[in-house]
Amino acid sequence: MNVLMLLKNKSEVAFVYDTNTLRQGIEKMHAHGYSAIPVLSKDGTYVGSVSEGDFLWHILEYRNNDLRVQENYQVSDILRKDFNPAVKIDVSMDELLERSMNQNFIPVVDDRNFFIGIVTRQDIIRSILKEL
């Protein structure tokens, strides 16, 4: 089995741009029911992910939960580049499985670091169960 069999294509995945406002990021995560979301640059490269906690810590740090105030900040202001690191399309299934132990989703990029989609922990587990 390879990663392409498990891949949710970019067109099927919600993501935000690093230039989106925090309000836009919060609203998109809420609309899709995500607890974390991939972050792309305007050229489509994967730059990291942000989680609900990242937004919450920012709100607590600035002591202002008014969503209008969050329009003054960009997703790049809270981005953790080491959170949910991406894998290349040719990643081994062993590596994918190992990553899924700590990540709900694994971003997948091509050789130029362009985001092409994600593999979810749920899809990996479902695939393993089918093979049993």
Protein backbone atom coordinates (compact mmCIF):
# COMPACT_ATOMS: atom_id res chain seq x y z
CA MET A 1 0.00 0.00 0.00
CA ASN A 2 1.18 3.55 -0.64
CA VAL A 3 0.21 6.99 0.57
CA LEU A 4 -1.84 7.77 -2.56
CA MET A 5 -4.37 5.12 -1.58
CA LEU A 6 -5.05 6.97 1.68
CA LEU A 7 -4.62 10.56 0.50
CA LYS A 8 -7.41 13.09 0.88
CA ASN A 9 -6.68 15.45 -1.99
CA LYS A 10 -6.13 19.16 -1.36
CA SER A 11 -9.51 19.88 -2.98
CA GLU A 12 -11.20 17.78 -0.25
CA VAL A 13 -9.36 19.37 2.68
CA ALA A 14 -10.01 22.67 4.43
CA PHE A 15 -6.88 24.75 4.97
CA VAL A 16 -5.96 28.34 5.69
CA TYR A 17 -3.33 30.63 4.28
CA ASP A 18 -0.65 32.11 6.50
CA THR A 19 -1.95 35.56 5.49
CA ASN A 20 -5.53 34.84 6.65
CA THR A 21 -6.63 36.70 9.74
CA LEU A 22 -7.00 34.79 12.99
CA ARG A 23 -10.72 35.40 12.75
CA GLN A 24 -10.82 33.71 9.32
CA GLY A 25 -8.82 30.79 10.70
CA ILE A 26 -11.08 30.35 13.71
CA GLU A 27 -14.20 30.53 11.55
CA LYS A 28 -12.90 27.99 9.03
CA MET A 29 -11.87 25.52 11.75
CA HIS A 30 -15.25 25.92 13.43
CA ALA A 31 -17.17 25.49 10.16
CA HIS A 32 -15.38 22.21 9.43
CA GLY A 33 -15.25 20.93 13.02
CA TYR A 34 -11.45 20.67 12.95
CA SER A 35 -9.21 20.81 16.00
CA ALA A 36 -6.19 21.63 13.80
CA ILE A 37 -5.81 22.82 10.22
CA PRO A 38 -3.01 22.92 7.61
CA VAL A 39 -1.50 26.30 6.78
CA LEU A 40 -0.29 27.14 3.28
CA SER A 41 1.56 30.07 1.80
CA LYS A 42 -0.10 31.91 -1.09
CA ASP A 43 2.01 29.90 -3.55
CA GLY A 44 0.59 26.64 -2.17
CA THR A 45 3.55 25.40 -0.14
CA TYR A 46 2.88 23.81 3.23
CA VAL A 47 4.22 26.00 6.05
CA GLY A 48 2.78 24.28 9.13
CA SER A 49 -0.45 23.75 11.03
CA VAL A 50 -2.36 25.56 13.74
CA SER A 51 -4.58 24.09 16.43
CA GLU A 52 -7.44 25.30 18.57
CA GLY A 53 -4.92 25.66 21.37
CA ASP A 54 -2.77 28.01 19.30
CA PHE A 55 -5.75 30.32 18.81
CA LEU A 56 -6.73 30.02 22.48
CA TRP A 57 -3.25 30.82 23.76
CA HIS A 58 -3.14 33.89 21.53
CA ILE A 59 -6.51 35.09 22.81
CA LEU A 60 -5.43 34.52 26.42
CA GLU A 61 -2.09 36.26 25.87
CA TYR A 62 -3.78 39.39 24.54
CA ARG A 63 -6.74 39.04 26.93
CA ASN A 64 -9.27 39.79 24.24
CA ASN A 65 -11.75 37.28 22.86
CA ASP A 66 -13.46 39.78 20.55
CA LEU A 67 -13.26 38.22 17.08
CA ARG A 68 -13.03 41.68 15.51
CA VAL A 69 -9.74 42.22 17.33
CA GLN A 70 -8.47 38.92 15.90
CA GLU A 71 -8.69 40.52 12.44
CA ASN A 72 -5.58 42.50 13.38
CA TYR A 73 -3.47 39.33 13.47
CA GLN A 74 -2.56 36.81 10.81
CA VAL A 75 -2.37 33.04 11.09
CA SER A 76 1.40 33.40 10.57
CA ASP A 77 1.53 35.18 13.95
CA ILE A 78 0.62 31.95 15.78
CA LEU A 79 2.00 29.38 13.34
CA ARG A 80 4.08 26.54 14.75
CA LYS A 81 6.16 25.27 11.86
CA ASP A 82 7.13 22.13 13.79
CA PHE A 83 3.50 21.14 14.49
CA ASN A 84 2.24 18.36 12.19
CA PRO A 85 5.33 18.12 9.98
CA ALA A 86 4.66 17.08 6.39
CA VAL A 87 5.85 13.97 4.60
CA LYS A 88 6.79 13.51 0.95
CA ILE A 89 4.57 11.52 -1.37
CA ASP A 90 7.02 8.59 -1.35
CA VAL A 91 6.89 8.15 2.45
CA SER A 92 6.94 4.56 3.70
CA MET A 93 3.84 3.13 5.32
CA ASP A 94 5.88 2.45 8.47
CA GLU A 95 6.80 6.14 8.71
CA LEU A 96 3.20 7.16 8.05
CA LEU A 97 1.95 4.84 10.77
CA GLU A 98 4.56 6.13 13.21
CA ARG A 99 3.60 9.75 12.51
CA SER A 100 -0.07 8.93 13.02
CA MET A 101 0.70 8.00 16.62
CA ASN A 102 1.23 11.72 17.37
CA GLN A 103 -0.69 13.48 14.60
CA ASN A 104 -4.40 13.30 13.77
CA PHE A 105 -3.50 14.12 10.20
CA ILE A 106 -0.27 13.97 8.24
CA PRO A 107 0.18 16.65 5.58
CA VAL A 108 1.60 15.35 2.30
CA VAL A 109 3.74 17.47 -0.02
CA ASP A 110 5.43 16.97 -3.37
CA ASP A 111 9.16 17.36 -4.06
CA ARG A 112 8.81 21.16 -4.16
CA ASN A 113 6.97 21.25 -0.81
CA PHE A 114 3.63 22.02 -2.46
CA PHE A 115 0.71 20.78 -0.38
CA ILE A 116 -1.17 17.97 -2.12
CA GLY A 117 -3.38 16.70 0.72
CA ILE A 118 -3.50 14.85 4.01
CA VAL A 119 -3.67 11.34 5.36
CA THR A 120 -5.78 11.02 8.50
CA ARG A 121 -5.17 8.70 11.41
CA GLN A 122 -8.71 7.41 10.94
CA ASP A 123 -8.00 6.44 7.30
CA ILE A 124 -4.81 4.63 8.32
CA ILE A 125 -6.64 2.65 11.01
CA ARG A 126 -9.50 1.87 8.62
CA SER A 127 -6.99 0.59 6.04
CA ILE A 128 -5.24 -1.63 8.59
CA LEU A 129 -8.55 -3.09 9.76
CA LYS A 130 -9.50 -3.96 6.17
CA GLU A 131 -6.29 -5.95 5.84
CA LEU A 132 -6.95 -8.03 8.97
